[in-house]
Amino acid sequence: MKPETLKPEKYRIPYSRTYLEFILPPGMRGTVVESKKVPPIADVEGAIADALAHPVGSPPLPELARPGDRVCIVFTDVTRASPDHLLVPAILQELEAAGVQDEDVTLLCGIGMHRPSTHEEKIAKLGAEVVARYRVIDNEPQNPDALADLGVTPGGVPVL
């Protein structure tokens, strides 16, 4: 019996605001997995406000945050399609209402092992007003001096 010859298949995946196209090397096979189709949220800002007012398993931010608290909000880099430009300002409003001062807030772009984000990318993710008003930084996973040892998870994974 002859081995089956597979025709190379072209793949196209969303990446940032465009797409990446590629063909897998010979001998490799891929599977396309698509998310379940769900209807879009009609009122996104209303849904965010409702989620902040009624969080699952936690009191709302105004009951947790106090003046003088230092807060770090982690947001995604440009490789992730997350509506941070809607989420982060809503969270910042809640913190401001609770009396948390701007200088006590750090916005941390979780770049993981990606390259550092540019100033323009931070503006695209958060909006110019947020970037101008708050401290916005990238995490530095390759720099041991920038990491803090927070212990180990119950599963034995270090938290840095």
N, C-alpha and C. Protein backbone atom coordinates (compact mmCIF):
# COMPACT_ATOMS: atom_id res chain seq x y z
N MET A 1 0.83 -1.17 0.00
CA MET A 1 0.00 0.00 0.00
C MET A 1 0.88 1.24 0.00
N LYS A 2 0.56 2.20 -0.86
CA LYS A 2 1.33 3.43 -0.96
C LYS A 2 0.94 4.40 0.16
N PRO A 3 1.93 5.12 0.70
CA PRO A 3 1.56 6.15 1.66
C PRO A 3 0.73 7.24 0.98
N GLU A 4 -0.22 7.77 1.71
CA GLU A 4 -1.08 8.82 1.16
C GLU A 4 -0.29 10.12 1.03
N THR A 5 -0.39 10.75 -0.11
CA THR A 5 0.26 12.04 -0.31
C THR A 5 -0.76 13.13 0.00
N LEU A 6 -0.43 13.95 0.96
CA LEU A 6 -1.34 15.01 1.35
C LEU A 6 -1.00 16.28 0.58
N LYS A 7 -2.03 16.90 0.05
CA LYS A 7 -1.85 18.18 -0.63
C LYS A 7 -1.67 19.25 0.45
N PRO A 8 -0.65 20.11 0.30
CA PRO A 8 -0.47 21.16 1.30
C PRO A 8 -1.73 22.03 1.39
N GLU A 9 -2.13 22.29 2.62
CA GLU A 9 -3.32 23.11 2.83
C GLU A 9 -2.89 24.47 3.36
N LYS A 10 -3.49 25.51 2.79
CA LYS A 10 -3.18 26.87 3.22
C LYS A 10 -4.08 27.24 4.40
N TYR A 11 -3.47 27.82 5.43
CA TYR A 11 -4.21 28.26 6.61
C TYR A 11 -4.20 29.78 6.67
N ARG A 12 -5.25 30.34 7.22
CA ARG A 12 -5.37 31.79 7.38
C ARG A 12 -5.97 32.04 8.76
N ILE A 13 -5.21 32.73 9.60
CA ILE A 13 -5.68 32.98 10.96
C ILE A 13 -5.65 34.47 11.26
N PRO A 14 -6.60 34.95 12.09
CA PRO A 14 -6.59 36.37 12.46
C PRO A 14 -5.36 36.68 13.31
N TYR A 15 -4.76 37.83 13.06
CA TYR A 15 -3.61 38.29 13.83
C TYR A 15 -3.64 39.80 13.88
N SER A 16 -3.83 40.36 15.08
CA SER A 16 -3.95 41.80 15.27
C SER A 16 -5.10 42.31 14.42
N ARG A 17 -4.82 43.25 13.52
CA ARG A 17 -5.88 43.80 12.67
C ARG A 17 -5.84 43.21 11.26
N THR A 18 -5.09 42.14 11.08
CA THR A 18 -4.94 41.54 9.76
C THR A 18 -4.98 40.02 9.91
N TYR A 19 -4.39 39.31 8.97
CA TYR A 19 -4.36 37.85 9.00
C TYR A 19 -2.96 37.36 8.68
N LEU A 20 -2.63 36.19 9.19
CA LEU A 20 -1.41 35.48 8.81
C LEU A 20 -1.82 34.30 7.95
N GLU A 21 -1.11 34.11 6.86
CA GLU A 21 -1.36 32.96 5.99
C GLU A 21 -0.10 32.11 5.95
N PHE A 22 -0.29 30.78 5.97
CA PHE A 22 0.86 29.90 5.96
C PHE A 22 0.46 28.52 5.46
N ILE A 23 1.46 27.76 5.07
CA ILE A 23 1.29 26.35 4.70
C ILE A 23 2.19 25.56 5.64
N LEU A 24 1.66 24.50 6.24
CA LEU A 24 2.45 23.68 7.14
C LEU A 24 3.50 22.91 6.35
N PRO A 25 4.65 22.65 6.97
CA PRO A 25 5.69 21.87 6.29
C PRO A 25 5.20 20.45 5.98
N PRO A 26 5.80 19.82 4.99
CA PRO A 26 5.42 18.44 4.64
C PRO A 26 5.49 17.53 5.86
N GLY A 27 4.52 16.65 5.98
CA GLY A 27 4.46 15.71 7.09
C GLY A 27 3.69 16.23 8.29
N MET A 28 3.35 17.50 8.29
CA MET A 28 2.58 18.07 9.40
C MET A 28 1.14 18.25 8.96
N ARG A 29 0.24 18.00 9.89
CA ARG A 29 -1.18 18.22 9.60
C ARG A 29 -1.74 19.17 10.64
N GLY A 30 -2.68 19.97 10.22
CA GLY A 30 -3.32 20.90 11.13
C GLY A 30 -4.81 20.65 11.21
N THR A 31 -5.40 21.17 12.24
CA THR A 31 -6.85 21.09 12.42
C THR A 31 -7.36 22.49 12.68
N VAL A 32 -8.39 22.86 11.98
CA VAL A 32 -9.01 24.16 12.21
C VAL A 32 -10.08 23.98 13.27
N VAL A 33 -9.96 24.74 14.35
CA VAL A 33 -10.94 24.69 15.43
C VAL A 33 -11.59 26.07 15.50
N GLU A 34 -12.90 26.08 15.44
CA GLU A 34 -13.62 27.35 15.50
C GLU A 34 -14.44 27.42 16.77
N SER A 35 -14.52 28.62 17.31
CA SER A 35 -15.31 28.84 18.51
C SER A 35 -16.79 28.70 18.20
N LYS A 36 -17.54 28.35 19.23
CA LYS A 36 -18.99 28.29 19.11
C LYS A 36 -19.51 29.68 18.77
N LYS A 37 -20.43 29.75 17.87
CA LYS A 37 -21.02 31.03 17.48
C LYS A 37 -21.98 31.49 18.57
N VAL A 38 -21.78 32.70 19.04
CA VAL A 38 -22.68 33.29 20.03
C VAL A 38 -23.09 34.66 19.52
N PRO A 39 -24.30 35.09 19.85
CA PRO A 39 -24.72 36.41 19.38
C PRO A 39 -23.91 37.50 20.07
N PRO A 40 -23.62 38.58 19.37
CA PRO A 40 -22.86 39.66 19.98
C PRO A 40 -23.68 40.36 21.07
N ILE A 41 -22.98 40.95 22.01
CA ILE A 41 -23.64 41.72 23.06
C ILE A 41 -24.13 43.02 22.44
N ALA A 42 -25.39 43.32 22.60
CA ALA A 42 -25.97 44.52 21.98
C ALA A 42 -25.43 45.80 22.61
N ASP A 43 -25.31 45.83 23.93
CA ASP A 43 -24.84 47.02 24.64
C ASP A 43 -23.60 46.64 25.44
N VAL A 44 -22.44 46.74 24.80
CA VAL A 44 -21.19 46.31 25.44
C VAL A 44 -20.88 47.15 26.67
N GLU A 45 -20.99 48.46 26.56
CA GLU A 45 -20.68 49.32 27.71
C GLU A 45 -21.64 49.05 28.87
N GLY A 46 -22.91 48.80 28.56
CA GLY A 46 -23.87 48.45 29.61
C GLY A 46 -23.53 47.12 30.26
N ALA A 47 -23.08 46.16 29.46
CA ALA A 47 -22.71 44.85 29.99
C ALA A 47 -21.48 44.97 30.90
N ILE A 48 -20.53 45.82 30.51
CA ILE A 48 -19.35 46.04 31.35
C ILE A 48 -19.76 46.67 32.67
N ALA A 49 -20.60 47.70 32.61
CA ALA A 49 -21.07 48.37 33.84
C ALA A 49 -21.81 47.38 34.74
N ASP A 50 -22.63 46.52 34.15
CA ASP A 50 -23.37 45.52 34.93
C ASP A 50 -22.42 44.51 35.57
N ALA A 51 -21.41 44.08 34.81
CA ALA A 51 -20.44 43.12 35.35
C ALA A 51 -19.64 43.73 36.50
N LEU A 52 -19.30 45.01 36.39
CA LEU A 52 -18.57 45.66 37.48
C LEU A 52 -19.46 45.87 38.70
N ALA A 53 -20.73 46.15 38.48
CA ALA A 53 -21.66 46.35 39.59
C ALA A 53 -22.03 45.05 40.28
N HIS A 54 -22.00 43.94 39.52
CA HIS A 54 -22.41 42.64 40.06
C HIS A 54 -21.37 41.57 39.71
N PRO A 55 -20.16 41.67 40.25
CA PRO A 55 -19.13 40.67 39.92
C PRO A 55 -19.49 39.30 40.50
N VAL A 56 -18.98 38.27 39.86
CA VAL A 56 -19.23 36.90 40.31
C VAL A 56 -18.20 36.53 41.38
N GLY A 57 -18.67 36.17 42.54
CA GLY A 57 -17.79 35.67 43.60
C GLY A 57 -16.93 36.72 44.28
N SER A 58 -17.30 37.99 44.16
CA SER A 58 -16.50 39.04 44.78
C SER A 58 -17.37 40.26 45.03
N PRO A 59 -17.06 41.03 46.06
CA PRO A 59 -17.75 42.31 46.20
C PRO A 59 -17.35 43.24 45.06
N PRO A 60 -18.15 44.24 44.74
CA PRO A 60 -17.77 45.20 43.69
C PRO A 60 -16.56 46.03 44.12
N LEU A 61 -15.87 46.60 43.14
CA LEU A 61 -14.66 47.37 43.41
C LEU A 61 -14.83 48.46 44.47
N PRO A 62 -15.91 49.24 44.45
CA PRO A 62 -16.03 50.28 45.48
C PRO A 62 -16.03 49.74 46.91
N GLU A 63 -16.36 48.47 47.09
CA GLU A 63 -16.31 47.87 48.42
C GLU A 63 -14.92 47.32 48.74
N LEU A 64 -14.09 47.16 47.73
CA LEU A 64 -12.75 46.60 47.93
C LEU A 64 -11.66 47.67 47.97
N ALA A 65 -11.77 48.66 47.10
CA ALA A 65 -10.73 49.68 46.95
C ALA A 65 -10.94 50.81 47.94
N ARG A 66 -9.82 51.35 48.42
CA ARG A 66 -9.85 52.45 49.38
C ARG A 66 -8.81 53.50 48.97
N PRO A 67 -9.01 54.75 49.37
CA PRO A 67 -7.97 55.76 49.14
C PRO A 67 -6.64 55.28 49.73
N GLY A 68 -5.57 55.47 49.00
CA GLY A 68 -4.25 55.02 49.44
C GLY A 68 -3.87 53.64 48.95
N ASP A 69 -4.84 52.86 48.46
CA ASP A 69 -4.52 51.55 47.89
C ASP A 69 -3.68 51.73 46.64
N ARG A 70 -2.73 50.81 46.44
CA ARG A 70 -1.98 50.76 45.19
C ARG A 70 -2.59 49.65 44.35
N VAL A 71 -2.85 49.97 43.08
CA VAL A 71 -3.58 49.05 42.21
C VAL A 71 -2.79 48.81 40.93
N CYS A 72 -2.75 47.56 40.50
CA CYS A 72 -2.16 47.21 39.21
C CYS A 72 -3.22 46.50 38.38
N ILE A 73 -3.46 47.02 37.19
CA ILE A 73 -4.40 46.40 36.26
C ILE A 73 -3.59 45.85 35.10
N VAL A 74 -3.71 44.56 34.85
CA VAL A 74 -3.00 43.93 33.75
C VAL A 74 -3.91 43.89 32.54
N PHE A 75 -3.38 44.30 31.39
CA PHE A 75 -4.14 44.26 30.14
C PHE A 75 -3.32 43.54 29.08
N THR A 76 -3.98 43.15 28.01
CA THR A 76 -3.34 42.34 26.97
C THR A 76 -2.56 43.21 25.99
N ASP A 77 -1.58 42.59 25.33
CA ASP A 77 -0.85 43.31 24.29
C ASP A 77 -1.61 43.22 22.96
N VAL A 78 -1.03 43.80 21.92
CA VAL A 78 -1.76 43.90 20.65
C VAL A 78 -1.99 42.57 19.95
N THR A 79 -1.37 41.50 20.45
CA THR A 79 -1.61 40.20 19.82
C THR A 79 -2.92 39.56 20.28
N ARG A 80 -3.58 40.17 21.24
CA ARG A 80 -4.84 39.63 21.76
C ARG A 80 -6.00 40.56 21.42
N ALA A 81 -7.05 39.98 20.90
CA ALA A 81 -8.24 40.76 20.52
C ALA A 81 -9.15 40.90 21.74
N SER A 82 -8.80 41.81 22.61
CA SER A 82 -9.58 42.07 23.81
C SER A 82 -9.97 43.55 23.82
N PRO A 83 -11.20 43.86 24.21
CA PRO A 83 -11.64 45.27 24.18
C PRO A 83 -11.13 46.07 25.39
N ASP A 84 -9.82 46.06 25.59
CA ASP A 84 -9.23 46.75 26.73
C ASP A 84 -9.57 48.24 26.74
N HIS A 85 -9.75 48.82 25.56
CA HIS A 85 -10.09 50.25 25.46
C HIS A 85 -11.47 50.54 26.07
N LEU A 86 -12.29 49.51 26.24
CA LEU A 86 -13.58 49.65 26.92
C LEU A 86 -13.51 49.18 28.37
N LEU A 87 -12.80 48.10 28.62
CA LEU A 87 -12.74 47.51 29.96
C LEU A 87 -11.94 48.36 30.94
N VAL A 88 -10.73 48.74 30.55
CA VAL A 88 -9.85 49.43 31.48
C VAL A 88 -10.41 50.78 31.93
N PRO A 89 -10.89 51.64 31.03
CA PRO A 89 -11.46 52.91 31.51
C PRO A 89 -12.63 52.73 32.48
N ALA A 90 -13.44 51.72 32.27
CA ALA A 90 -14.56 51.46 33.18
C ALA A 90 -14.05 51.06 34.57
N ILE A 91 -13.01 50.25 34.61
CA ILE A 91 -12.41 49.86 35.89
C ILE A 91 -11.78 51.07 36.57
N LEU A 92 -11.11 51.90 35.77
CA LEU A 92 -10.48 53.11 36.33
C LEU A 92 -11.52 54.06 36.92
N GLN A 93 -12.67 54.16 36.29
CA GLN A 93 -13.75 55.00 36.84
C GLN A 93 -14.20 54.48 38.21
N GLU A 94 -14.33 53.17 38.33
CA GLU A 94 -14.72 52.57 39.61
C GLU A 94 -13.68 52.86 40.69
N LEU A 95 -12.41 52.76 40.32
CA LEU A 95 -11.34 53.03 41.28
C LEU A 95 -11.32 54.49 41.69
N GLU A 96 -11.52 55.37 40.72
CA GLU A 96 -11.56 56.80 41.02
C GLU A 96 -12.72 57.12 41.98
N ALA A 97 -13.88 56.52 41.72
CA ALA A 97 -15.04 56.73 42.59
C ALA A 97 -14.77 56.22 44.01
N ALA A 98 -13.91 55.22 44.13
CA ALA A 98 -13.56 54.67 45.45
C ALA A 98 -12.47 55.48 46.14
N GLY A 99 -11.95 56.50 45.46
CA GLY A 99 -10.94 57.36 46.07
C GLY A 99 -9.51 56.99 45.77
N VAL A 100 -9.28 56.03 44.88
CA VAL A 100 -7.91 55.67 44.51
C VAL A 100 -7.35 56.76 43.59
N GLN A 101 -6.17 57.25 43.92
CA GLN A 101 -5.54 58.33 43.16
C GLN A 101 -4.84 57.79 41.92
N ASP A 102 -4.77 58.62 40.87
CA ASP A 102 -4.12 58.22 39.61
C ASP A 102 -2.70 57.70 39.84
N GLU A 103 -1.94 58.37 40.71
CA GLU A 103 -0.54 57.99 40.92
C GLU A 103 -0.41 56.65 41.64
N ASP A 104 -1.49 56.12 42.17
CA ASP A 104 -1.47 54.82 42.83
C ASP A 104 -1.90 53.68 41.90
N VAL A 105 -2.09 54.01 40.63
CA VAL A 105 -2.54 53.01 39.64
C VAL A 105 -1.43 52.77 38.63
N THR A 106 -1.12 51.50 38.39
CA THR A 106 -0.20 51.10 37.33
C THR A 106 -0.96 50.19 36.37
N LEU A 107 -0.84 50.47 35.09
CA LEU A 107 -1.42 49.62 34.05
C LEU A 107 -0.27 48.82 33.45
N LEU A 108 -0.37 47.51 33.55
CA LEU A 108 0.72 46.61 33.15
C LEU A 108 0.30 45.82 31.92
N CYS A 109 1.02 46.04 30.83
CA CYS A 109 0.76 45.28 29.60
C CYS A 109 1.43 43.92 29.73
N GLY A 110 0.63 42.88 29.74
CA GLY A 110 1.14 41.52 29.86
C GLY A 110 1.63 41.02 28.51
N ILE A 111 2.90 41.30 28.21
CA ILE A 111 3.43 40.94 26.89
C ILE A 111 3.86 39.48 26.82
N GLY A 112 3.93 38.81 27.97
CA GLY A 112 4.39 37.43 27.95
C GLY A 112 5.78 37.37 27.35
N MET A 113 5.97 36.54 26.36
CA MET A 113 7.28 36.42 25.72
C MET A 113 7.34 37.19 24.40
N HIS A 114 6.35 38.07 24.17
CA HIS A 114 6.36 38.90 22.97
C HIS A 114 7.32 40.06 23.16
N ARG A 115 7.58 40.78 22.10
CA ARG A 115 8.44 41.97 22.17
C ARG A 115 7.73 43.05 22.99
N PRO A 116 8.47 44.03 23.50
CA PRO A 116 7.82 45.12 24.23
C PRO A 116 6.84 45.87 23.33
N SER A 117 5.81 46.41 23.94
CA SER A 117 4.82 47.16 23.17
C SER A 117 5.30 48.59 22.94
N THR A 118 4.88 49.17 21.84
CA THR A 118 5.23 50.55 21.53
C THR A 118 4.23 51.49 22.19
N HIS A 119 4.61 52.75 22.26
CA HIS A 119 3.70 53.77 22.81
C HIS A 119 2.40 53.79 22.01
N GLU A 120 2.51 53.70 20.70
CA GLU A 120 1.33 53.73 19.83
C GLU A 120 0.43 52.53 20.08
N GLU A 121 1.02 51.37 20.34
CA GLU A 121 0.22 50.18 20.63
C GLU A 121 -0.51 50.31 21.97
N LYS A 122 0.14 50.93 22.93
CA LYS A 122 -0.52 51.16 24.22
C LYS A 122 -1.72 52.09 24.04
N ILE A 123 -1.55 53.12 23.21
CA ILE A 123 -2.66 54.03 22.93
C ILE A 123 -3.78 53.27 22.22
N ALA A 124 -3.43 52.41 21.27
CA ALA A 124 -4.45 51.63 20.55
C ALA A 124 -5.22 50.72 21.50
N LYS A 125 -4.55 50.18 22.52
CA LYS A 125 -5.20 49.27 23.46
C LYS A 125 -6.02 49.99 24.52
N LEU A 126 -5.57 51.20 24.95
CA LEU A 126 -6.18 51.85 26.11
C LEU A 126 -6.81 53.21 25.82
N GLY A 127 -6.40 53.83 24.73
CA GLY A 127 -6.85 55.20 24.44
C GLY A 127 -5.81 56.21 24.90
N ALA A 128 -5.71 57.32 24.18
CA ALA A 128 -4.69 58.34 24.46
C ALA A 128 -4.86 58.95 25.84
N GLU A 129 -6.11 59.18 26.26
CA GLU A 129 -6.35 59.82 27.56
C GLU A 129 -5.84 58.95 28.71
N VAL A 130 -6.09 57.66 28.65
CA VAL A 130 -5.64 56.75 29.71
C VAL A 130 -4.11 56.69 29.74
N VAL A 131 -3.48 56.57 28.56
CA VAL A 131 -2.02 56.48 28.50
C VAL A 131 -1.37 57.76 29.03
N ALA A 132 -1.98 58.91 28.74
CA ALA A 132 -1.42 60.18 29.21
C ALA A 132 -1.62 60.36 30.72
N ARG A 133 -2.67 59.79 31.27
CA ARG A 133 -3.04 60.05 32.67
C ARG A 133 -2.41 59.08 33.67
N TYR A 134 -2.13 57.84 33.25
CA TYR A 134 -1.69 56.81 34.18
C TYR A 134 -0.31 56.28 33.81
N ARG A 135 0.32 55.62 34.77
CA ARG A 135 1.58 54.93 34.52
C ARG A 135 1.26 53.64 33.76
N VAL A 136 1.83 53.51 32.55
CA VAL A 136 1.57 52.34 31.71
C VAL A 136 2.92 51.71 31.36
N ILE A 137 3.10 50.45 31.76
CA ILE A 137 4.38 49.77 31.55
C ILE A 137 4.14 48.37 30.99
N ASP A 138 5.20 47.77 30.48
CA ASP A 138 5.19 46.37 30.06
C ASP A 138 5.80 45.53 31.18
N ASN A 139 5.35 44.27 31.29
CA ASN A 139 6.08 43.37 32.17
C ASN A 139 7.40 43.02 31.48
N GLU A 140 8.36 42.57 32.26
CA GLU A 140 9.68 42.24 31.71
C GLU A 140 10.03 40.80 32.09
N PRO A 141 9.45 39.83 31.40
CA PRO A 141 9.66 38.44 31.81
C PRO A 141 11.09 37.95 31.67
N GLN A 142 11.90 38.62 30.85
CA GLN A 142 13.29 38.20 30.64
C GLN A 142 14.25 38.84 31.64
N ASN A 143 13.74 39.78 32.46
CA ASN A 143 14.59 40.51 33.39
C ASN A 143 14.32 40.05 34.83
N PRO A 144 15.19 39.21 35.39
CA PRO A 144 14.96 38.69 36.74
C PRO A 144 14.84 39.80 37.79
N ASP A 145 15.53 40.93 37.57
CA ASP A 145 15.46 42.03 38.53
C ASP A 145 14.10 42.72 38.54
N ALA A 146 13.31 42.52 37.48
CA ALA A 146 11.99 43.15 37.40
C ALA A 146 10.89 42.24 37.95
N LEU A 147 11.26 41.04 38.38
CA LEU A 147 10.27 40.08 38.87
C LEU A 147 10.32 39.98 40.39
N ALA A 148 9.19 39.71 40.99
CA ALA A 148 9.11 39.50 42.44
C ALA A 148 8.64 38.07 42.68
N ASP A 149 9.29 37.39 43.60
CA ASP A 149 8.91 36.02 43.95
C ASP A 149 7.73 36.09 44.91
N LEU A 150 6.57 35.64 44.43
CA LEU A 150 5.34 35.68 45.24
C LEU A 150 4.99 34.32 45.83
N GLY A 151 5.90 33.36 45.67
CA GLY A 151 5.65 32.04 46.24
C GLY A 151 5.37 31.00 45.18
N VAL A 152 4.62 29.99 45.59
CA VAL A 152 4.35 28.84 44.73
C VAL A 152 2.86 28.51 44.82
N THR A 153 2.26 28.15 43.69
CA THR A 153 0.85 27.76 43.68
C THR A 153 0.70 26.40 44.36
N PRO A 154 -0.53 26.01 44.74
CA PRO A 154 -0.73 24.68 45.31
C PRO A 154 -0.25 23.56 44.38
N GLY A 155 -0.21 23.84 43.07
CA GLY A 155 0.27 22.85 42.11
C GLY A 155 1.78 22.85 41.95
N GLY A 156 2.48 23.70 42.72
CA GLY A 156 3.94 23.72 42.67
C GLY A 156 4.54 24.65 41.62
N VAL A 157 3.73 25.51 41.01
CA VAL A 157 4.22 26.42 39.98
C VAL A 157 4.69 27.72 40.63
N PRO A 158 5.94 28.14 40.36
CA PRO A 158 6.41 29.40 40.93
C PRO A 158 5.60 30.58 40.39
N VAL A 159 5.32 31.55 41.25
CA VAL A 159 4.62 32.76 40.85
C VAL A 159 5.63 33.90 40.94
N LEU A 160 6.01 34.40 39.76
CA LEU A 160 7.01 35.48 39.69
C LEU A 160 6.40 36.73 39.12
